[in-house]
N, C-alpha and C. Protein backbone atom coordinates (compact mmCIF):
# COMPACT_ATOMS: atom_id res chain seq x y z
N MET A 1 0.86 -1.15 0.00
CA MET A 1 0.00 0.00 0.00
C MET A 1 0.91 1.22 0.00
N TYR A 2 0.70 2.11 -0.95
CA TYR A 2 1.48 3.34 -1.04
C TYR A 2 0.57 4.54 -0.84
N LEU A 3 1.00 5.45 0.01
CA LEU A 3 0.29 6.70 0.26
C LEU A 3 1.20 7.83 -0.22
N ILE A 4 0.64 8.74 -0.99
CA ILE A 4 1.42 9.83 -1.56
C ILE A 4 1.29 11.07 -0.70
N GLY A 5 2.43 11.57 -0.25
CA GLY A 5 2.47 12.76 0.60
C GLY A 5 2.46 12.39 2.06
N GLY A 6 3.30 13.03 2.83
CA GLY A 6 3.43 12.72 4.24
C GLY A 6 2.64 13.65 5.14
N GLY A 7 1.52 14.15 4.65
CA GLY A 7 0.69 15.05 5.44
C GLY A 7 -0.24 14.29 6.38
N ILE A 8 -1.06 15.05 7.07
CA ILE A 8 -1.97 14.48 8.07
C ILE A 8 -2.92 13.46 7.44
N THR A 9 -3.30 13.65 6.18
CA THR A 9 -4.22 12.72 5.54
C THR A 9 -3.58 11.34 5.37
N SER A 10 -2.35 11.30 4.87
CA SER A 10 -1.67 10.01 4.73
C SER A 10 -1.36 9.38 6.08
N LEU A 11 -0.94 10.19 7.03
CA LEU A 11 -0.63 9.65 8.36
C LEU A 11 -1.88 9.08 9.01
N ALA A 12 -3.00 9.79 8.89
CA ALA A 12 -4.27 9.28 9.43
C ALA A 12 -4.70 8.03 8.69
N SER A 13 -4.54 8.03 7.37
CA SER A 13 -4.91 6.85 6.59
C SER A 13 -4.12 5.64 7.05
N ALA A 14 -2.84 5.81 7.29
CA ALA A 14 -2.01 4.70 7.76
C ALA A 14 -2.52 4.18 9.10
N VAL A 15 -2.84 5.08 10.02
CA VAL A 15 -3.35 4.67 11.33
C VAL A 15 -4.61 3.83 11.18
N TYR A 16 -5.56 4.32 10.38
CA TYR A 16 -6.84 3.61 10.26
C TYR A 16 -6.72 2.34 9.41
N LEU A 17 -5.78 2.29 8.47
CA LEU A 17 -5.55 1.04 7.75
C LEU A 17 -5.05 -0.05 8.70
N ILE A 18 -4.17 0.33 9.61
CA ILE A 18 -3.66 -0.61 10.60
C ILE A 18 -4.75 -1.00 11.58
N LYS A 19 -5.42 0.01 12.12
CA LYS A 19 -6.42 -0.20 13.19
C LYS A 19 -7.68 -0.91 12.68
N ASP A 20 -8.22 -0.47 11.58
CA ASP A 20 -9.54 -0.94 11.15
C ASP A 20 -9.50 -2.09 10.15
N THR A 21 -8.40 -2.24 9.42
CA THR A 21 -8.36 -3.31 8.41
C THR A 21 -7.33 -4.38 8.73
N GLY A 22 -6.47 -4.11 9.72
CA GLY A 22 -5.47 -5.10 10.10
C GLY A 22 -4.27 -5.17 9.18
N ILE A 23 -4.14 -4.21 8.26
CA ILE A 23 -2.95 -4.19 7.39
C ILE A 23 -1.73 -3.94 8.26
N SER A 24 -0.68 -4.69 8.03
CA SER A 24 0.56 -4.50 8.77
C SER A 24 1.21 -3.18 8.39
N GLY A 25 1.72 -2.47 9.39
CA GLY A 25 2.42 -1.21 9.12
C GLY A 25 3.60 -1.40 8.18
N ALA A 26 4.19 -2.59 8.19
CA ALA A 26 5.31 -2.89 7.29
C ALA A 26 4.89 -2.87 5.83
N ASN A 27 3.61 -2.98 5.58
CA ASN A 27 3.10 -2.99 4.20
C ASN A 27 2.56 -1.63 3.76
N ILE A 28 2.73 -0.62 4.58
CA ILE A 28 2.27 0.73 4.25
C ILE A 28 3.50 1.60 4.03
N HIS A 29 3.56 2.25 2.88
CA HIS A 29 4.69 3.09 2.52
C HIS A 29 4.19 4.49 2.22
N ILE A 30 4.74 5.47 2.93
CA ILE A 30 4.36 6.87 2.71
C ILE A 30 5.48 7.54 1.93
N LEU A 31 5.14 8.07 0.77
CA LEU A 31 6.12 8.72 -0.09
C LEU A 31 6.00 10.24 0.07
N GLU A 32 7.08 10.88 0.45
CA GLU A 32 7.09 12.33 0.69
C GLU A 32 8.31 12.92 -0.01
N GLN A 33 8.11 13.98 -0.77
CA GLN A 33 9.22 14.58 -1.51
C GLN A 33 10.10 15.48 -0.65
N HIS A 34 9.59 15.97 0.46
CA HIS A 34 10.36 16.85 1.33
C HIS A 34 11.02 16.04 2.45
N GLY A 35 11.90 16.65 3.18
CA GLY A 35 12.65 15.94 4.21
C GLY A 35 11.91 15.79 5.53
N ILE A 36 10.65 16.20 5.59
CA ILE A 36 9.90 16.12 6.85
C ILE A 36 8.45 15.73 6.53
N VAL A 37 7.87 14.91 7.39
CA VAL A 37 6.47 14.53 7.20
C VAL A 37 5.59 15.39 8.09
N GLY A 38 4.31 15.36 7.83
CA GLY A 38 3.36 16.08 8.66
C GLY A 38 2.57 17.14 7.92
N GLY A 39 3.05 17.54 6.74
CA GLY A 39 2.33 18.56 5.98
C GLY A 39 2.11 19.81 6.83
N ALA A 40 0.85 20.24 6.93
CA ALA A 40 0.53 21.44 7.71
C ALA A 40 0.66 21.22 9.21
N CYS A 41 0.94 19.99 9.62
CA CYS A 41 1.12 19.69 11.05
C CYS A 41 2.54 19.24 11.33
N ASP A 42 3.51 19.66 10.49
CA ASP A 42 4.88 19.25 10.76
C ASP A 42 5.39 19.96 12.00
N ASP A 43 6.54 19.51 12.48
CA ASP A 43 7.09 20.14 13.67
C ASP A 43 8.57 20.41 13.48
N ALA A 44 9.10 21.20 14.38
CA ALA A 44 10.52 21.48 14.41
C ALA A 44 10.93 21.56 15.87
N GLY A 45 12.17 21.23 16.14
CA GLY A 45 12.66 21.30 17.50
C GLY A 45 13.35 20.03 17.91
N ASP A 46 13.58 19.91 19.20
CA ASP A 46 14.21 18.71 19.72
C ASP A 46 13.72 18.44 21.14
N ILE A 47 14.09 17.30 21.67
CA ILE A 47 13.56 16.86 22.97
C ILE A 47 14.00 17.77 24.12
N LYS A 48 15.16 18.42 23.99
CA LYS A 48 15.66 19.29 25.06
C LYS A 48 15.01 20.68 25.03
N LYS A 49 14.87 21.26 23.83
CA LYS A 49 14.33 22.61 23.70
C LYS A 49 12.83 22.64 23.50
N GLY A 50 12.25 21.48 23.16
CA GLY A 50 10.83 21.42 22.89
C GLY A 50 10.55 21.49 21.41
N PHE A 51 9.26 21.41 21.06
CA PHE A 51 8.85 21.37 19.66
C PHE A 51 7.82 22.46 19.38
N VAL A 52 7.80 22.88 18.14
CA VAL A 52 6.79 23.80 17.64
C VAL A 52 6.05 23.07 16.53
N VAL A 53 4.74 23.05 16.59
CA VAL A 53 3.93 22.34 15.60
C VAL A 53 3.05 23.34 14.89
N ARG A 54 3.13 23.34 13.55
CA ARG A 54 2.19 24.16 12.79
C ARG A 54 0.83 23.49 12.85
N GLY A 55 -0.18 24.16 12.40
CA GLY A 55 -1.52 23.57 12.41
C GLY A 55 -2.10 23.51 13.81
N GLY A 56 -1.69 24.42 14.66
CA GLY A 56 -2.14 24.43 16.04
C GLY A 56 -3.65 24.51 16.21
N ARG A 57 -4.34 25.03 15.21
CA ARG A 57 -5.80 25.14 15.31
C ARG A 57 -6.43 23.77 15.51
N MET A 58 -5.76 22.73 15.03
CA MET A 58 -6.32 21.38 15.16
C MET A 58 -6.34 20.91 16.62
N HIS A 59 -5.64 21.59 17.48
CA HIS A 59 -5.62 21.21 18.89
C HIS A 59 -6.81 21.77 19.66
N GLU A 60 -7.70 22.46 18.96
CA GLU A 60 -8.90 22.96 19.61
C GLU A 60 -9.85 21.80 19.89
N GLU A 61 -10.64 21.94 20.93
CA GLU A 61 -11.49 20.87 21.43
C GLU A 61 -12.47 20.30 20.41
N HIS A 62 -12.98 21.16 19.51
CA HIS A 62 -14.02 20.70 18.58
C HIS A 62 -13.50 19.87 17.41
N TYR A 63 -12.19 19.67 17.29
CA TYR A 63 -11.63 18.79 16.26
C TYR A 63 -11.63 17.35 16.78
N VAL A 64 -12.82 16.80 16.95
CA VAL A 64 -12.97 15.49 17.60
C VAL A 64 -12.33 14.36 16.80
N CYS A 65 -12.35 14.42 15.49
CA CYS A 65 -11.72 13.37 14.68
C CYS A 65 -10.21 13.37 14.89
N TYR A 66 -9.64 14.55 15.01
CA TYR A 66 -8.20 14.68 15.26
C TYR A 66 -7.84 14.06 16.61
N TRP A 67 -8.63 14.35 17.64
CA TRP A 67 -8.35 13.81 18.97
C TRP A 67 -8.53 12.30 18.99
N GLU A 68 -9.52 11.80 18.25
CA GLU A 68 -9.70 10.35 18.17
C GLU A 68 -8.49 9.72 17.49
N LEU A 69 -7.97 10.37 16.45
CA LEU A 69 -6.78 9.89 15.77
C LEU A 69 -5.61 9.82 16.75
N LEU A 70 -5.38 10.89 17.49
CA LEU A 70 -4.27 10.91 18.44
C LEU A 70 -4.42 9.88 19.55
N SER A 71 -5.64 9.51 19.87
CA SER A 71 -5.86 8.52 20.94
C SER A 71 -5.31 7.14 20.54
N ASN A 72 -5.00 6.95 19.27
CA ASN A 72 -4.45 5.68 18.81
C ASN A 72 -2.94 5.57 18.98
N ILE A 73 -2.30 6.63 19.40
CA ILE A 73 -0.86 6.60 19.62
C ILE A 73 -0.59 5.87 20.93
N PRO A 74 0.19 4.80 20.90
CA PRO A 74 0.45 4.06 22.15
C PRO A 74 1.23 4.93 23.13
N SER A 75 0.95 4.76 24.39
CA SER A 75 1.67 5.54 25.41
C SER A 75 2.85 4.78 25.97
């Protein structure tokens, strides 16, 4: 399975392909022409100084699909 572009749409698609269809993550390939994934939600920074994420509007409470997506990240 190939997903074109490393933006939030492809990243979300990969999550739901794994979660809802049982496709192995090893069989999902995200192709991105730039050196960073995330599209409008990419980040910059490091673990010591912290990170800055574009697309901050998505962190608002009413973006329920976004929060459901994030709930799939293992802790």
